[in-house]
């Protein structure tokens, strides 16, 4: 009897994915970003460049509801290291994303956005990741104004959990800058005590 290993091809594909993912992490460690330069016209793509292009294609298929090899686990891992699923020319600004999030909340009665959502999945992963950086006192693209806007529509910061206020471990100077941003956004410094992080700090001053 001849035995066939029907999973050999799948196993080889997964090993290839993991090897390229490790190369992606090495690229990020060396360059500080995951914007992989693609081959110029007339040049042959490297194995790694071809893999990056394929990940964007698989993501697009997932987003469009088509057959894809992209899984939520892989998507999350790629997103966590900062892989850009969409090219820069498809960048959507903050106000547009907020309007999409408001529409999602209005249509679904909640703002627990799934990470595989066609429009908001990548945005949701990014906001959760940057919020964690923010509360840990690390550089982040999120600020008190964005936190307030998302909190106002019930955005779920932690997957599987409702909004939980955490007090960021930030210095006095950082809190003061937060207060200045709040004043710029609202025209006053009467921060409610319930405002995430900043409210308690202002009350203690």
Protein backbone atom coordinates (compact mmCIF):
# COMPACT_ATOMS: atom_id res chain seq x y z
CA UNK A 1 0.00 0.00 0.00
CA UNK A 2 1.36 3.40 -0.95
CA UNK A 3 0.86 6.11 1.64
CA UNK A 4 0.35 9.73 0.68
CA UNK A 5 0.89 12.67 2.98
CA UNK A 6 -2.00 14.89 2.01
CA UNK A 7 -0.90 17.58 4.51
CA UNK A 8 2.67 17.89 3.20
CA UNK A 9 1.76 20.77 0.86
CA UNK A 10 -0.12 22.60 3.60
CA UNK A 11 2.73 22.11 6.06
CA UNK A 12 5.25 23.40 3.52
CA UNK A 13 3.04 26.46 2.89
CA UNK A 14 2.83 27.19 6.62
CA UNK A 15 6.61 26.83 7.04
CA UNK A 16 7.11 29.23 4.16
CA UNK A 17 4.72 31.72 5.77
CA UNK A 18 6.51 31.53 9.12
CA UNK A 19 9.92 31.96 7.50
CA UNK A 20 8.78 35.07 5.66
CA UNK A 21 7.10 36.41 8.78
CA UNK A 22 10.41 36.06 10.64
CA UNK A 23 12.10 37.96 7.82
CA UNK A 24 9.45 40.67 8.17
CA UNK A 25 10.24 40.99 11.86
CA UNK A 26 13.96 41.22 11.10
CA UNK A 27 13.25 43.94 8.53
CA UNK A 28 11.20 45.85 11.12
CA UNK A 29 13.96 45.53 13.73
CA UNK A 30 16.54 46.83 11.29
CA UNK A 31 14.57 49.63 9.61
CA UNK A 32 11.96 50.56 12.22
CA UNK A 33 9.03 50.07 9.82
CA UNK A 34 7.36 47.48 7.61
CA UNK A 35 7.21 49.41 4.35
CA UNK A 36 8.87 46.80 2.17
CA UNK A 37 10.40 48.22 -1.03
CA UNK A 38 8.95 46.33 -3.99
CA UNK A 39 10.84 45.46 -7.15
CA UNK A 40 11.15 48.11 -9.84
CA UNK A 41 9.91 47.59 -13.36
CA UNK A 42 12.02 44.99 -15.09
CA UNK A 43 13.39 43.54 -11.84
CA UNK A 44 12.49 40.13 -10.51
CA UNK A 45 10.73 40.14 -7.15
CA UNK A 46 12.50 38.40 -4.32
CA UNK A 47 10.72 35.60 -2.49
CA UNK A 48 10.10 37.94 0.44
CA UNK A 49 8.71 40.75 -1.76
CA UNK A 50 6.37 38.29 -3.47
CA UNK A 51 5.18 37.09 -0.07
CA UNK A 52 4.38 40.66 1.02
CA UNK A 53 2.36 41.26 -2.15
CA UNK A 54 0.51 37.99 -1.56
CA UNK A 55 -0.43 38.97 2.00
CA UNK A 56 -2.07 42.15 0.71
CA UNK A 57 -3.93 40.13 -1.91
CA UNK A 58 -5.13 37.57 0.66
CA UNK A 59 -6.24 40.42 2.95
CA UNK A 60 -8.20 41.99 0.08
CA UNK A 61 -9.88 38.65 -0.62
CA UNK A 62 -10.78 38.34 3.08
CA UNK A 63 -12.17 41.86 3.11
CA UNK A 64 -14.20 41.21 -0.04
CA UNK A 65 -15.59 37.92 1.26
CA UNK A 66 -13.68 35.82 -1.26
CA UNK A 67 -11.75 32.59 -0.76
CA UNK A 68 -8.50 33.34 1.03
CA UNK A 69 -5.65 31.74 2.92
CA UNK A 70 -5.52 34.72 5.30
CA UNK A 71 -6.67 33.77 8.79
CA UNK A 72 -7.57 36.08 11.67
CA UNK A 73 -4.52 34.83 13.55
CA UNK A 74 -2.18 35.71 10.69
CA UNK A 75 -3.89 39.04 10.14
CA UNK A 76 -3.48 39.92 13.82
CA UNK A 77 0.19 38.90 13.87
CA UNK A 78 0.92 40.95 10.75
CA UNK A 79 -0.96 43.92 12.14
CA UNK A 80 0.89 43.71 15.47
CA UNK A 81 4.27 44.21 13.78
CA UNK A 82 2.90 47.10 11.70
CA UNK A 83 2.49 45.42 8.31
CA UNK A 84 0.65 47.74 5.89
CA UNK A 85 -2.18 45.78 4.29
CA UNK A 86 -3.17 48.77 2.18
CA UNK A 87 -0.96 51.02 0.11
CA UNK A 88 -0.56 54.63 1.21
CA UNK A 89 -2.67 55.93 -1.66
CA UNK A 90 -5.65 54.22 -0.05
CA UNK A 91 -5.13 56.01 3.28
CA UNK A 92 -8.37 57.04 4.98
CA UNK A 93 -8.25 60.04 7.32
CA UNK A 94 -9.38 60.09 10.94
CA UNK A 95 -12.71 61.88 10.41
CA UNK A 96 -13.75 59.37 7.74
CA UNK A 97 -12.87 56.42 9.99
CA UNK A 98 -14.83 57.96 12.87
CA UNK A 99 -17.88 58.41 10.65
CA UNK A 100 -17.60 54.76 9.57
CA UNK A 101 -17.31 53.70 13.23
CA UNK A 102 -20.38 55.79 14.17
CA UNK A 103 -22.32 54.19 11.35
CA UNK A 104 -21.26 50.72 12.52
CA UNK A 105 -22.42 51.52 16.07
CA UNK A 106 -25.75 52.89 14.81
CA UNK A 107 -26.41 49.85 12.62
CA UNK A 108 -25.31 47.21 15.14
CA UNK A 109 -26.21 48.75 18.49
CA UNK A 110 -22.62 48.40 19.74
CA UNK A 111 -19.07 49.29 18.74
CA UNK A 112 -17.33 45.95 19.30
CA UNK A 113 -15.88 45.91 15.78
CA UNK A 114 -14.56 42.52 14.58
CA UNK A 115 -10.94 42.58 13.39
CA UNK A 116 -11.97 41.09 10.04
CA UNK A 117 -14.46 43.88 9.32
CA UNK A 118 -13.95 44.99 5.67
CA UNK A 119 -13.58 48.71 6.43
CA UNK A 120 -12.76 48.97 10.12
CA UNK A 121 -10.91 45.78 11.03
CA UNK A 122 -7.40 47.12 10.50
CA UNK A 123 -8.34 50.46 12.11
CA UNK A 124 -9.70 48.64 15.18
CA UNK A 125 -6.50 46.61 15.61
CA UNK A 126 -4.40 49.76 15.27
CA UNK A 127 -6.45 51.74 17.82
CA UNK A 128 -6.27 48.92 20.37
CA UNK A 129 -2.53 48.57 19.87
CA UNK A 130 -1.87 52.32 20.16
CA UNK A 131 -4.17 52.64 23.17
CA UNK A 132 -2.09 50.01 24.96
CA UNK A 133 1.07 51.97 24.09
CA UNK A 134 -0.62 55.13 25.38
CA UNK A 135 -1.59 53.70 28.76
CA UNK A 136 1.93 52.28 29.12
CA UNK A 137 3.36 55.77 28.60
CA UNK A 138 4.98 54.89 25.28
CA UNK A 139 4.90 56.83 21.98
CA UNK A 140 1.50 56.45 20.39
CA UNK A 141 -0.60 58.01 17.63
CA UNK A 142 -3.62 58.19 19.92
CA UNK A 143 -4.39 61.17 22.16
CA UNK A 144 -7.10 62.29 24.62
CA UNK A 145 -9.24 63.79 21.86
CA UNK A 146 -9.31 60.55 19.87
CA UNK A 147 -9.92 58.51 23.03
CA UNK A 148 -12.91 60.70 23.89
CA UNK A 149 -14.39 60.43 20.41
CA UNK A 150 -14.10 56.65 20.37
CA UNK A 151 -15.29 56.32 23.95
CA UNK A 152 -18.36 58.40 23.09
CA UNK A 153 -19.56 55.75 20.63
CA UNK A 154 -18.74 52.84 22.95
CA UNK A 155 -15.62 51.64 21.16
CA UNK A 156 -14.38 48.38 22.70
CA UNK A 157 -10.70 48.85 23.47
CA UNK A 158 -10.06 45.33 24.68
CA UNK A 159 -11.26 42.47 22.50
CA UNK A 160 -14.03 40.53 24.20
CA UNK A 161 -14.46 43.16 26.93
CA UNK A 162 -16.37 46.37 27.41
CA UNK A 163 -14.64 49.68 27.97
CA UNK A 164 -12.52 49.69 31.10
CA UNK A 165 -10.87 52.87 32.29
CA UNK A 166 -7.19 52.42 32.96
CA UNK A 167 -4.97 55.10 34.41
CA UNK A 168 -2.01 55.68 32.09
CA UNK A 169 1.39 55.63 33.77
CA UNK A 170 2.35 59.10 32.54
CA UNK A 171 4.54 61.82 34.02
CA UNK A 172 3.22 65.16 35.26
CA UNK A 173 4.62 66.90 32.18
CA UNK A 174 2.88 64.42 29.89
CA UNK A 175 -0.39 64.91 31.74
CA UNK A 176 0.00 68.67 31.42
CA UNK A 177 0.43 68.29 27.66
CA UNK A 178 -2.72 66.13 27.65
CA UNK A 179 -4.53 68.94 29.42
CA UNK A 180 -3.36 71.47 26.82
CA UNK A 181 -4.64 69.18 24.06
CA UNK A 182 -7.96 68.87 25.88
CA UNK A 183 -8.23 72.66 26.16
CA UNK A 184 -7.46 73.06 22.45
CA UNK A 185 -10.17 70.55 21.58
CA UNK A 186 -12.85 71.78 24.03
CA UNK A 187 -12.00 75.42 24.72
CA UNK A 188 -11.78 74.91 28.50
CA UNK A 189 -10.01 72.88 31.19
CA UNK A 190 -13.08 71.73 33.13
CA UNK A 191 -12.22 68.08 32.63
CA UNK A 192 -14.88 65.73 34.04
CA UNK A 193 -13.53 63.30 36.62
CA UNK A 194 -14.83 60.40 34.52
CA UNK A 195 -12.59 61.39 31.60
CA UNK A 196 -10.09 58.52 31.05
CA UNK A 197 -6.86 59.14 32.96
CA UNK A 198 -6.83 62.94 32.74
CA UNK A 199 -9.96 63.53 34.83
CA UNK A 200 -8.49 62.03 38.01
CA UNK A 201 -5.16 63.82 37.47
CA UNK A 202 -6.86 67.24 37.16
CA UNK A 203 -8.91 66.64 40.30
CA UNK A 204 -5.74 65.87 42.26
CA UNK A 205 -3.97 69.10 41.24
